[in-house]
Protein backbone atom coordinates (compact mmCIF):
# COMPACT_ATOMS: atom_id res chain seq x y z
CA MET A 1 86.53 96.46 108.14
CA SER A 2 86.40 93.20 105.83
CA LYS A 3 83.34 92.34 104.26
CA ASN A 4 84.02 89.11 105.77
CA ASN A 5 83.25 90.33 108.95
CA LYS A 6 79.83 91.95 108.13
CA ASN A 7 76.59 90.15 108.78
CA LYS A 8 74.77 89.95 105.38
CA ASP A 9 71.61 91.72 105.91
CA ASN A 10 68.81 89.32 104.79
CA SER A 11 65.84 90.79 106.36
CA CYS A 12 62.68 91.70 104.32
CA LYS A 13 60.01 94.16 104.92
CA ASN A 14 56.89 92.85 106.16
CA GLU A 15 53.90 92.86 103.80
CA GLU A 16 51.04 94.90 105.19
CA ASN A 17 47.96 92.84 105.88
CA ILE A 18 44.90 94.26 103.76
CA ASN A 19 41.98 95.02 105.77
CA SER A 20 38.71 93.28 104.53
CA GLU A 21 35.99 95.70 103.58
CA THR A 22 32.31 95.44 104.56
CA ASN A 23 29.45 95.81 102.29
CA SER A 24 29.29 99.70 103.45
CA ASN A 25 31.07 100.29 100.17
CA LYS A 26 33.86 102.68 101.54
CA SER A 27 35.53 103.35 98.15
CA GLY A 28 32.08 104.87 96.82
CA GLU A 29 32.08 102.50 93.97
CA ASN A 30 28.45 100.86 92.98
CA LEU A 31 28.15 97.63 94.54
CA PRO A 32 25.87 94.73 93.10
CA ILE A 33 23.04 94.22 95.21
CA ASN A 34 20.36 91.08 95.94
CA GLY A 35 23.34 88.63 96.66
CA ASP A 36 24.96 89.27 92.98
CA TYR A 37 28.57 90.10 94.70
CA THR A 38 29.66 86.79 94.92
CA ASN A 39 32.63 85.73 97.11
CA GLU A 40 34.25 84.87 94.01
CA THR A 41 33.92 88.24 92.65
CA TRP A 42 35.03 89.95 96.24
CA GLU A 43 38.04 87.45 96.31
CA LYS A 44 39.00 88.42 92.58
CA LYS A 45 38.65 92.48 93.74
CA GLU A 46 40.76 91.79 96.79
CA GLU A 47 43.51 89.99 94.90
CA GLU A 48 43.69 92.87 92.29
CA LYS A 49 43.85 95.31 95.21
CA GLU A 50 46.55 93.50 96.82
CA ASN A 51 48.77 93.03 93.65
CA GLY A 52 48.23 96.96 93.16
CA SER A 53 49.56 97.47 96.73
CA GLN A 54 52.50 95.23 95.97
CA MET A 55 53.34 97.08 92.78
CA GLN A 56 53.64 100.40 94.59
CA ASP A 57 55.78 98.86 97.33
CA SER A 58 57.98 97.49 94.45
CA ARG A 59 58.37 100.95 92.99
CA LYS A 60 59.13 102.43 96.25
CA GLU A 61 61.81 99.77 96.99
CA GLU A 62 63.10 100.34 93.62
CA THR A 63 63.99 104.11 94.06
CA ASP A 64 66.97 102.95 96.33
CA TYR A 65 69.37 101.14 94.01
CA ILE A 66 72.73 101.31 92.75
CA CYS A 67 72.90 100.71 89.05
CA LEU A 68 75.80 98.88 87.48
CA VAL A 69 76.50 99.60 83.96
CA ASN A 70 78.02 96.45 82.41
CA ASN A 71 80.40 97.49 79.50
CA TYR A 72 81.74 94.15 78.58
CA PRO A 73 80.30 92.40 75.58
CA LEU A 74 77.43 90.04 76.19
CA GLY A 75 78.78 86.51 76.93
CA SER A 76 82.16 87.85 77.67
CA GLY A 77 82.95 85.47 80.48
CA ILE A 78 84.57 88.43 82.66
CA ASP A 79 83.88 87.65 86.33
CA ARG A 80 84.77 91.51 87.25
CA VAL A 81 81.07 91.94 87.08
CA SER A 82 80.10 89.37 89.23
CA ARG A 83 82.51 90.36 91.90
CA ILE A 84 80.90 94.18 92.00
CA GLU A 85 77.53 92.62 92.37
CA LYS A 86 78.42 90.41 94.96
CA LEU A 87 79.78 93.48 96.96
CA ILE A 88 76.76 95.61 96.17
CA THR A 89 74.37 92.60 97.43
CA GLU A 90 76.34 91.56 100.28
CA SER A 91 76.73 95.48 101.85
CA ILE A 92 74.71 96.34 104.90
CA ALA A 93 73.62 99.47 103.42
CA ASP A 94 69.63 99.19 102.42
CA VAL A 95 70.34 99.44 98.60
CA THR A 96 69.41 97.15 95.95
CA LEU A 97 71.25 96.18 92.82
CA LYS A 98 70.20 97.04 89.01
CA ASN A 99 72.16 95.99 86.01
CA VAL A 100 72.24 97.66 82.92
CA HIS A 101 74.29 96.75 79.87
CA TYR A 102 75.84 99.37 77.90
CA SER A 103 73.74 98.15 74.76
CA GLN A 104 70.43 99.28 76.41
CA PHE A 105 71.90 102.20 78.53
CA HIS A 106 69.11 105.02 78.66
CA LYS A 107 69.02 107.71 81.03
CA GLU A 108 65.24 106.65 81.82
CA TYR A 109 66.51 103.51 83.07
CA ILE A 110 68.72 104.96 85.66
CA GLU A 111 66.70 108.28 86.54
CA ASN A 112 65.94 106.62 90.31
CA ALA A 113 69.36 105.31 90.93
CA ILE A 114 71.06 106.79 94.08
CA GLY A 115 74.50 105.85 92.51
CA ILE A 116 75.95 104.49 89.17
CA ILE A 117 79.02 102.34 88.94
CA LEU A 118 80.76 102.07 85.55
CA THR A 119 82.50 98.91 84.74
CA GLY A 120 85.70 98.17 82.88
CA SER A 121 85.71 96.68 79.49
CA VAL A 122 87.40 94.79 76.78
CA PHE A 123 86.94 97.91 74.73
CA ASN A 124 89.28 100.84 74.52
CA VAL A 125 87.87 104.35 74.40
CA SER A 126 91.17 105.42 72.22
CA SER A 127 89.51 103.44 69.57
CA PHE A 128 86.42 106.07 69.54
CA TYR A 129 88.87 108.24 67.56
CA TYR A 130 88.79 105.83 64.40
CA ASP A 131 85.93 103.50 65.15
CA GLU A 132 82.77 105.37 64.77
CA GLY A 133 80.53 102.43 64.92
CA LEU A 134 82.07 101.66 68.34
CA ARG A 135 81.85 105.25 69.53
CA GLY A 136 78.40 105.31 68.71
CA GLN A 137 77.65 102.33 71.05
CA PHE A 138 78.68 104.16 73.99
CA LYS A 139 77.29 107.96 73.12
CA PRO A 140 74.20 107.63 75.23
CA GLN A 141 76.87 107.28 78.34
CA PHE A 142 79.10 110.09 77.77
CA ASP A 143 76.01 112.30 76.76
CA PHE A 144 74.63 111.41 80.23
CA LEU A 145 77.99 111.96 82.01
CA LEU A 146 78.50 115.24 80.64
CA ASN A 147 75.05 116.46 81.87
CA VAL A 148 74.53 114.55 84.96
CA LYS A 149 74.23 116.78 88.19
CA ASP A 150 73.08 115.03 91.50
CA ILE A 151 73.91 111.49 91.18
CA PRO A 152 76.97 110.06 92.59
CA ILE A 153 78.99 107.98 89.79
CA LEU A 154 82.05 105.53 90.21
CA GLY A 155 84.01 104.89 87.13
CA ILE A 156 86.27 101.90 86.84
CA CYS A 157 89.18 101.74 84.29
CA PHE A 158 87.13 101.90 80.81
CA GLY A 159 84.70 103.97 83.35
CA LEU A 160 87.44 106.60 83.90
CA HIS A 161 88.13 106.70 80.32
CA LEU A 162 84.63 107.14 79.25
CA ILE A 163 84.02 109.94 82.15
CA ALA A 164 87.56 111.63 81.04
CA TYR A 165 86.53 111.45 76.98
CA SER A 166 83.07 112.90 77.93
CA TYR A 167 84.52 115.92 79.35
CA GLY A 168 87.01 116.68 76.14
CA ALA A 169 90.13 114.71 77.68
CA GLN A 170 92.24 112.89 75.24
CA ILE A 171 92.55 109.23 75.98
CA CYS A 172 96.14 107.80 75.03
CA ARG A 173 97.10 104.31 74.76
CA MET A 174 100.20 102.71 76.15
CA ARG A 175 102.89 100.43 74.15
CA ASN A 176 102.66 97.60 76.31
CA PRO A 177 99.72 96.45 78.44
CA ASN A 178 99.49 96.09 82.33
CA TRP A 179 98.01 92.49 82.78
CA GLY A 180 95.59 91.89 85.48
CA GLU A 181 98.04 90.17 88.18
CA ASN A 182 99.86 93.26 88.42
CA ILE A 183 99.90 94.83 92.01
CA ILE A 184 101.24 98.50 92.51
CA LYS A 185 101.20 101.09 95.41
CA ILE A 186 99.73 104.41 94.92
CA GLN A 187 99.94 107.54 96.73
CA LEU A 188 97.26 110.05 97.11
CA VAL A 189 97.46 113.83 97.66
CA GLU A 190 94.43 113.78 100.34
CA SER A 191 91.87 111.24 101.73
CA ASP A 192 88.36 111.53 101.05
CA ASP A 193 84.91 109.75 101.16
CA LEU A 194 86.15 106.93 99.07
CA ILE A 195 89.76 106.33 100.10
CA ASP A 196 90.86 107.02 103.61
CA ASP A 197 94.28 106.10 103.40
CA LYS A 198 97.29 108.07 101.96
CA GLU A 199 99.01 104.91 100.20
CA ILE A 200 97.08 101.84 98.99
CA PRO A 201 97.93 98.83 96.86
CA VAL A 202 95.79 98.47 93.84
CA ASN A 203 95.18 96.06 91.03
CA ILE A 204 95.98 97.63 87.51
CA PHE A 205 95.09 95.94 83.91
CA HIS A 206 94.69 98.43 81.52
CA ARG A 207 96.73 99.76 78.25
CA ASP A 208 94.44 103.03 77.61
CA PHE A 209 95.10 106.22 80.12
CA VAL A 210 94.46 109.38 80.72
CA PRO A 211 97.59 111.84 80.81
CA ILE A 212 97.93 113.90 84.01
CA ASN A 213 98.45 116.99 82.14
CA ASP A 214 95.41 116.81 80.15
CA LEU A 215 93.81 120.54 80.02
CA LYS A 216 90.69 119.31 79.93
CA VAL A 217 91.01 116.90 83.05
CA ARG A 218 92.46 119.66 85.18
CA GLU A 219 89.90 121.93 83.91
CA ASN A 220 87.12 119.80 85.48
CA PHE A 221 88.49 117.20 87.82
CA GLU A 222 91.15 117.19 90.67
CA ILE A 223 93.63 114.51 90.41
CA ILE A 224 93.89 112.77 93.65
CA SER A 225 96.20 110.09 92.76
CA GLN A 226 98.99 109.72 89.86
CA THR A 227 101.27 107.15 88.91
CA THR A 228 104.26 106.71 86.28
CA ILE A 229 104.28 103.47 84.44
CA ASP A 230 106.94 102.77 81.77
CA ARG A 231 107.58 106.60 81.62
CA TYR A 232 103.93 107.20 81.10
CA LYS A 233 102.47 109.67 83.69
CA ILE A 234 98.67 108.33 84.50
CA VAL A 235 95.94 109.52 86.39
CA GLU A 236 95.04 106.79 88.87
CA TYR A 237 91.92 108.67 90.69
CA MET A 238 90.26 111.72 89.82
CA ARG A 239 87.29 113.72 91.39
CA HIS A 240 84.88 116.01 89.43
CA LYS A 241 85.15 119.60 91.13
CA ASN A 242 81.63 120.22 91.17
CA LYS A 243 79.60 116.80 90.91
CA PRO A 244 79.72 113.67 92.75
CA ILE A 245 81.79 111.95 90.11
CA TYR A 246 84.71 109.58 91.28
CA ALA A 247 87.01 107.82 88.87
CA VAL A 248 89.64 105.33 89.13
CA GLN A 249 92.34 103.80 86.87
CA PHE A 250 92.64 100.67 89.01
CA HIS A 251 90.22 97.79 89.63
CA PRO A 252 88.84 97.98 93.26
CA GLU A 253 87.00 94.57 92.40
CA THR A 254 90.29 93.20 92.30
CA HIS A 255 90.95 89.17 92.05
CA GLU A 256 90.33 86.97 94.76
CA LYS A 257 93.75 86.36 96.74
CA ASP A 258 93.96 83.02 95.13
CA CYS A 259 93.92 84.15 91.53
CA PHE A 260 97.19 86.32 91.98
CA LYS A 261 100.86 84.41 91.04
CA THR A 262 102.13 83.35 94.19
CA THR A 263 105.71 83.77 92.47
CA LYS A 264 105.25 87.65 92.04
CA PHE A 265 103.07 88.73 95.22
CA ASP A 266 102.95 87.38 98.70
CA ARG A 267 99.69 86.37 99.90
CA GLU A 268 99.28 89.28 102.45
CA LEU A 269 99.77 91.89 99.79
CA ALA A 270 97.24 90.20 97.40
CA ASN A 271 94.68 89.95 100.41
CA LYS A 272 95.48 93.35 101.30
CA THR A 273 94.63 94.66 97.85
CA ARG A 274 91.45 92.84 97.75
CA LEU A 275 90.26 94.30 100.94
CA VAL A 276 91.26 97.68 99.90
CA GLY A 277 89.26 97.45 96.84
CA GLU A 278 86.37 96.08 98.49
CA LYS A 279 86.46 98.96 101.08
CA ILE A 280 86.50 101.47 98.24
CA ILE A 281 83.51 100.41 96.83
CA ASP A 282 81.53 99.91 100.18
CA HIS A 283 82.58 103.47 100.81
CA PHE A 284 81.03 104.58 97.46
CA ILE A 285 77.61 102.59 98.27
CA TRP A 286 77.36 104.45 101.61
CA HIS A 287 78.46 107.93 99.87
CA CYS A 288 75.32 107.24 97.39
CA VAL A 289 73.13 106.65 100.46
CA TYR A 290 74.17 109.77 102.53
CA TYR A 291 73.92 111.76 99.21
CA LYS A 292 70.43 110.99 98.60
CA ASN A 293 69.77 111.97 102.10
CA LYS A 294 71.43 114.86 101.79
CA LEU A 295 69.32 116.05 98.65
CA LYS A 296 66.11 115.50 100.81
CA ASN A 297 66.88 117.74 103.31
């Protein structure tokens, strides 16, 4: 079902009323006597208690959030991140959004997340082999990815490359890039929690890729979809064999339908591609919610 058909959930939790205490001092603390405990002092203590209660509620609500790791340079002006943000915030699932830029990535920032999405990037993981400075900037991510166990993760394009690289796979580079207006159809060997169709149109925009015959990929991941572009055999969708880690080469946060070149694709295909991408991200959000509940039980 399209996001446009879903009602945005704007409900907020009601704040609990704070009961006023009497001079009987239920907390057991020493109260001033002879009228020294003024109304001003009383109101100040009540305000401190209320602020503390709100902070506890805030921490409690913060546990159910999807962490969006932005792998684009600051100020890049790429709108793909805002598209994912929009899909998360408009989801009817009871989750919130937390943004973390790659330059500030640290596992403590995301330890309470119920799911993580790794965005694409203008950087290339294939550059890690000769650019130690760039590699060092993303080292906290692939160290985390290698050791994480119980947090669902979705890697998109560059995010897929980061995941594959973390597990020792080779990241290759095509001679010619595939620009952002490209739509291709891919076939899946099976449907799953993220993609419930056997054939879908997807938006591709990349030059790096993960080859389907890489031994480390096949050792750690199931290849659910692959394609051939300009003789390159490319992993389009892979899923970790033992962990809730998913990665797609294509961009589910596809363009709005009006951004595709009308001379190249018809409106119906462009719109379907966008809706398919929205559904994949929505499925991932719900998968995070269910996975969290499964761990509790």
